Amino acid sequence: MKTPTNSENEKVIRELYRVAEIQDSKAFAALFTDDGYFWDISAGAKYYGADIGKTVDIYSTAFPDMHRELYDFYVRDEENVVVVELSLNGTHKGPLQLPAGTIPATGNEIHTPCCDVFHLENGKVKSFHCYTAGTILLGQLGVFGNLSAVLQ
């Protein structure tokens, strides 16, 4: 992992990941601007306001041991942009709610690559675009080949 900088923007994003790790969906949503949003690109869902915290709740329900392994931070303070390479790791022990339906617990582990792009404004997140490798995640859950059969 690259050495952390003293960037205020990077500190905000590290705090965002910290509160996600302790599954505090309200603190997670509080780090966004009033008009900020979270876009889960692979799921095709965009969240605003208090609903932003649902993303933490959805993943903590499906993966109670969810851990985000942070690899590299790319910080462009002059543009208020932070990009993070990471992986989402955990055991699928609960239902995973997706816009297309719900995948029941499989008991499988995931180690899914992800890239997050943040735009900040006045020390808060204005936009969070999450690019999870959805096909890899579904493959690791063992449902990619027959997704329609497992969706409820």
C-alpha atoms as a PDB file:
ATOM      1  CA  MET A   1       0.000   0.000   0.000  1.00  0.00           C
ATOM      2  CA  LYS A   2       1.194   3.493  -0.743  1.00  0.00           C
ATOM      3  CA  THR A   3       2.162   5.659   2.193  1.00  0.00           C
ATOM      4  CA  PRO A   4      -0.807   7.735   3.363  1.00  0.00           C
ATOM      5  CA  THR A   5      -0.568  11.446   2.670  1.00  0.00           C
ATOM      6  CA  ASN A   6      -1.663  14.263   4.944  1.00  0.00           C
ATOM      7  CA  SER A   7      -4.449  15.092   2.495  1.00  0.00           C
ATOM      8  CA  GLU A   8      -7.690  16.123   4.155  1.00  0.00           C
ATOM      9  CA  ASN A   9      -9.583  14.439   1.315  1.00  0.00           C
ATOM     10  CA  GLU A  10      -7.781  11.154   1.930  1.00  0.00           C
ATOM     11  CA  LYS A  11      -8.556  11.419   5.649  1.00  0.00           C
ATOM     12  CA  VAL A  12     -12.279  11.780   4.873  1.00  0.00           C
ATOM     13  CA  ILE A  13     -12.219   8.698   2.642  1.00  0.00           C
ATOM     14  CA  ARG A  14     -10.285   6.630   5.188  1.00  0.00           C
ATOM     15  CA  GLU A  15     -12.919   7.603   7.766  1.00  0.00           C
ATOM     16  CA  LEU A  16     -15.646   6.522   5.337  1.00  0.00           C
ATOM     17  CA  TYR A  17     -14.058   3.071   5.060  1.00  0.00           C
ATOM     18  CA  ARG A  18     -13.561   2.912   8.837  1.00  0.00           C
ATOM     19  CA  VAL A  19     -17.237   3.492   9.586  1.00  0.00           C
ATOM     20  CA  ALA A  20     -18.212   0.992   6.879  1.00  0.00           C
ATOM     21  CA  GLU A  21     -15.954  -1.580   8.574  1.00  0.00           C
ATOM     22  CA  ILE A  22     -17.769  -1.113  11.898  1.00  0.00           C
ATOM     23  CA  GLN A  23     -21.070  -1.219   9.976  1.00  0.00           C
ATOM     24  CA  ASP A  24     -22.239   2.232  11.084  1.00  0.00           C
ATOM     25  CA  SER A  25     -24.573   3.144   8.226  1.00  0.00           C
ATOM     26  CA  LYS A  26     -25.670   6.470   9.782  1.00  0.00           C
ATOM     27  CA  ALA A  27     -22.085   7.698  10.222  1.00  0.00           C
ATOM     28  CA  PHE A  28     -21.364   6.531   6.664  1.00  0.00           C
ATOM     29  CA  ALA A  29     -24.252   8.597   5.239  1.00  0.00           C
ATOM     30  CA  ALA A  30     -23.270  11.596   7.390  1.00  0.00           C
ATOM     31  CA  LEU A  31     -19.961  11.857   5.505  1.00  0.00           C
ATOM     32  CA  PHE A  32     -21.820  12.862   2.325  1.00  0.00           C
ATOM     33  CA  THR A  33     -22.961  16.325   1.241  1.00  0.00           C
ATOM     34  CA  ASP A  34     -26.704  16.972   1.393  1.00  0.00           C
ATOM     35  CA  ASP A  35     -26.966  16.380  -2.354  1.00  0.00           C
ATOM     36  CA  GLY A  36     -24.290  13.673  -2.459  1.00  0.00           C
ATOM     37  CA  TYR A  37     -24.828  10.167  -3.761  1.00  0.00           C
ATOM     38  CA  PHE A  38     -23.433   6.628  -3.819  1.00  0.00           C
ATOM     39  CA  TRP A  39     -23.594   4.813  -7.147  1.00  0.00           C
ATOM     40  CA  ASP A  40     -23.127   1.034  -7.005  1.00  0.00           C
ATOM     41  CA  ILE A  41     -22.230   0.673 -10.682  1.00  0.00           C
ATOM     42  CA  SER A  42     -22.294  -3.146 -10.889  1.00  0.00           C
ATOM     43  CA  ALA A  43     -25.683  -3.359  -9.148  1.00  0.00           C
ATOM     44  CA  GLY A  44     -27.095  -0.465 -11.170  1.00  0.00           C
ATOM     45  CA  ALA A  45     -28.322   1.336  -8.048  1.00  0.00           C
ATOM     46  CA  LYS A  46     -27.845   4.956  -6.993  1.00  0.00           C
ATOM     47  CA  TYR A  47     -28.520   6.067  -3.419  1.00  0.00           C
ATOM     48  CA  TYR A  48     -29.157   9.571  -2.040  1.00  0.00           C
ATOM     49  CA  GLY A  49     -29.618  11.034   1.450  1.00  0.00           C
ATOM     50  CA  ALA A  50     -30.228   8.588   4.284  1.00  0.00           C
ATOM     51  CA  ASP A  51     -30.512   5.763   1.720  1.00  0.00           C
ATOM     52  CA  ILE A  52     -26.739   5.998   1.197  1.00  0.00           C
ATOM     53  CA  GLY A  53     -26.355   4.056   4.451  1.00  0.00           C
ATOM     54  CA  LYS A  54     -28.365   1.171   2.971  1.00  0.00           C
ATOM     55  CA  THR A  55     -25.280   0.094   1.054  1.00  0.00           C
ATOM     56  CA  VAL A  56     -23.474  -0.593   4.335  1.00  0.00           C
ATOM     57  CA  ASP A  57     -26.522  -2.432   5.686  1.00  0.00           C
ATOM     58  CA  ILE A  58     -26.963  -4.557   2.532  1.00  0.00           C
ATOM     59  CA  TYR A  59     -23.363  -5.768   2.596  1.00  0.00           C
ATOM     60  CA  SER A  60     -23.173  -6.234   6.371  1.00  0.00           C
ATOM     61  CA  THR A  61     -26.339  -8.379   6.236  1.00  0.00           C
ATOM     62  CA  ALA A  62     -24.974 -10.533   3.421  1.00  0.00           C
ATOM     63  CA  PHE A  63     -21.368 -10.554   4.680  1.00  0.00           C
ATOM     64  CA  PRO A  64     -21.332  -9.965   8.466  1.00  0.00           C
ATOM     65  CA  ASP A  65     -17.541 -10.348   8.444  1.00  0.00           C
ATOM     66  CA  MET A  66     -17.057  -7.947   5.515  1.00  0.00           C
ATOM     67  CA  HIS A  67     -13.583  -6.451   5.336  1.00  0.00           C
ATOM     68  CA  ARG A  68     -12.382  -3.923   2.797  1.00  0.00           C
ATOM     69  CA  GLU A  69      -8.700  -4.481   2.039  1.00  0.00           C
ATOM     70  CA  LEU A  70      -7.408  -1.079   0.925  1.00  0.00           C
ATOM     71  CA  TYR A  71      -4.519  -1.319  -1.530  1.00  0.00           C
ATOM     72  CA  ASP A  72      -3.729   2.033  -3.137  1.00  0.00           C
ATOM     73  CA  PHE A  73      -4.979   5.598  -2.807  1.00  0.00           C
ATOM     74  CA  TYR A  74      -4.606   8.066  -5.655  1.00  0.00           C
ATOM     75  CA  VAL A  75      -5.268  11.592  -4.429  1.00  0.00           C
ATOM     76  CA  ARG A  76      -5.770  14.658  -6.616  1.00  0.00           C
ATOM     77  CA  ASP A  77      -6.365  17.355  -4.025  1.00  0.00           C
ATOM     78  CA  GLU A  78      -6.439  20.151  -6.593  1.00  0.00           C
ATOM     79  CA  GLU A  79      -9.492  18.407  -8.128  1.00  0.00           C
ATOM     80  CA  ASN A  80     -10.936  17.047  -4.847  1.00  0.00           C
ATOM     81  CA  VAL A  81     -10.752  13.506  -6.231  1.00  0.00           C
ATOM     82  CA  VAL A  82      -9.673  10.316  -4.473  1.00  0.00           C
ATOM     83  CA  VAL A  83      -9.479   6.930  -6.208  1.00  0.00           C
ATOM     84  CA  VAL A  84      -9.010   3.749  -4.171  1.00  0.00           C
ATOM     85  CA  GLU A  85      -8.113   0.249  -5.319  1.00  0.00           C
ATOM     86  CA  LEU A  86      -9.341  -2.387  -2.872  1.00  0.00           C
ATOM     87  CA  SER A  87     -10.958  -5.764  -2.465  1.00  0.00           C
ATOM     88  CA  LEU A  88     -14.184  -6.714  -0.730  1.00  0.00           C
ATOM     89  CA  ASN A  89     -13.707  -9.782   1.451  1.00  0.00           C
ATOM     90  CA  GLY A  90     -16.160 -11.780   3.501  1.00  0.00           C
ATOM     91  CA  THR A  91     -18.301 -14.884   3.874  1.00  0.00           C
ATOM     92  CA  HIS A  92     -21.782 -14.916   2.359  1.00  0.00           C
ATOM     93  CA  LYS A  93     -23.835 -15.774   5.451  1.00  0.00           C
ATOM     94  CA  GLY A  94     -27.018 -13.767   4.790  1.00  0.00           C
ATOM     95  CA  PRO A  95     -29.258 -12.670   1.922  1.00  0.00           C
ATOM     96  CA  LEU A  96     -27.647 -10.341  -0.616  1.00  0.00           C
ATOM     97  CA  GLN A  97     -30.231  -7.841  -1.848  1.00  0.00           C
ATOM     98  CA  LEU A  98     -29.680  -6.720  -5.418  1.00  0.00           C
ATOM     99  CA  PRO A  99     -31.984  -4.636  -7.636  1.00  0.00           C
ATOM    100  CA  ALA A 100     -32.672  -7.809  -9.687  1.00  0.00           C
ATOM    101  CA  GLY A 101     -33.576  -9.882  -6.610  1.00  0.00           C
ATOM    102  CA  THR A 102     -32.040 -11.487  -3.539  1.00  0.00           C
ATOM    103  CA  ILE A 103     -29.330 -14.140  -3.476  1.00  0.00           C
ATOM    104  CA  PRO A 104     -29.724 -16.420  -0.438  1.00  0.00           C
ATOM    105  CA  ALA A 105     -26.614 -17.171   1.634  1.00  0.00           C
ATOM    106  CA  THR A 106     -24.209 -19.532  -0.112  1.00  0.00           C
ATOM    107  CA  GLY A 107     -21.570 -19.828   2.604  1.00  0.00           C
ATOM    108  CA  ASN A 108     -18.917 -18.952   0.002  1.00  0.00           C
ATOM    109  CA  GLU A 109     -16.105 -16.491   0.586  1.00  0.00           C
ATOM    110  CA  ILE A 110     -15.538 -13.501  -1.635  1.00  0.00           C
ATOM    111  CA  HIS A 111     -12.313 -11.661  -2.406  1.00  0.00           C
ATOM    112  CA  THR A 112     -13.679  -9.300  -5.043  1.00  0.00           C
ATOM    113  CA  PRO A 113     -11.634  -6.552  -6.716  1.00  0.00           C
ATOM    114  CA  CYS A 114     -13.089  -3.069  -6.553  1.00  0.00           C
ATOM    115  CA  CYS A 115     -12.204   0.481  -7.548  1.00  0.00           C
ATOM    116  CA  ASP A 116     -13.885   3.431  -5.854  1.00  0.00           C
ATOM    117  CA  VAL A 117     -13.892   6.976  -7.225  1.00  0.00           C
ATOM    118  CA  PHE A 118     -14.774   9.841  -4.885  1.00  0.00           C
ATOM    119  CA  HIS A 119     -15.412  13.521  -5.552  1.00  0.00           C
ATOM    120  CA  LEU A 120     -15.378  15.709  -2.456  1.00  0.00           C
ATOM    121  CA  GLU A 121     -16.717  19.147  -1.643  1.00  0.00           C
ATOM    122  CA  ASN A 122     -15.995  21.088   1.554  1.00  0.00           C
ATOM    123  CA  GLY A 123     -14.692  18.008   3.394  1.00  0.00           C
ATOM    124  CA  LYS A 124     -17.595  15.735   2.479  1.00  0.00           C
ATOM    125  CA  VAL A 125     -18.279  13.187  -0.250  1.00  0.00           C
ATOM    126  CA  LYS A 126     -20.209  14.669  -3.175  1.00  0.00           C
ATOM    127  CA  SER A 127     -20.154  11.467  -5.238  1.00  0.00           C
ATOM    128  CA  PHE A 128     -18.962   7.905  -4.702  1.00  0.00           C
ATOM    129  CA  HIS A 129     -18.823   5.650  -7.761  1.00  0.00           C
ATOM    130  CA  CYS A 130     -18.175   2.049  -6.707  1.00  0.00           C
ATOM    131  CA  TYR A 131     -16.888  -0.239  -9.481  1.00  0.00           C
ATOM    132  CA  THR A 132     -17.120  -3.706  -7.946  1.00  0.00           C
ATOM    133  CA  ALA A 133     -16.159  -6.574 -10.256  1.00  0.00           C
ATOM    134  CA  GLY A 134     -19.710  -7.946 -10.250  1.00  0.00           C
ATOM    135  CA  THR A 135     -19.042 -10.966 -12.444  1.00  0.00           C
ATOM    136  CA  ILE A 136     -16.174 -12.018 -10.181  1.00  0.00           C
ATOM    137  CA  LEU A 137     -18.358 -11.538  -7.085  1.00  0.00           C
ATOM    138  CA  LEU A 138     -21.156 -13.650  -8.583  1.00  0.00           C
ATOM    139  CA  GLY A 139     -18.641 -16.285  -9.669  1.00  0.00           C
ATOM    140  CA  GLN A 140     -17.159 -16.451  -6.166  1.00  0.00           C
ATOM    141  CA  LEU A 141     -20.674 -16.902  -4.766  1.00  0.00           C
ATOM    142  CA  GLY A 142     -21.118 -19.799  -7.214  1.00  0.00           C
ATOM    143  CA  VAL A 143     -24.212 -18.319  -8.851  1.00  0.00           C
ATOM    144  CA  PHE A 144     -22.905 -16.668 -12.017  1.00  0.00           C
ATOM    145  CA  GLY A 145     -23.706 -19.631 -14.308  1.00  0.00           C
ATOM    146  CA  ASN A 146     -27.331 -19.865 -13.165  1.00  0.00           C
ATOM    147  CA  LEU A 147     -28.226 -16.520 -11.652  1.00  0.00           C
ATOM    148  CA  SER A 148     -31.932 -16.651 -12.519  1.00  0.00           C
ATOM    149  CA  ALA A 149     -32.309 -19.913 -10.559  1.00  0.00           C
ATOM    150  CA  VAL A 150     -31.030 -18.406  -7.289  1.00  0.00           C
ATOM    151  CA  LEU A 151     -32.690 -14.996  -7.347  1.00  0.00           C
ATOM    152  CA  GLN A 152     -35.733 -14.817  -5.101  1.00  0.00           C
END
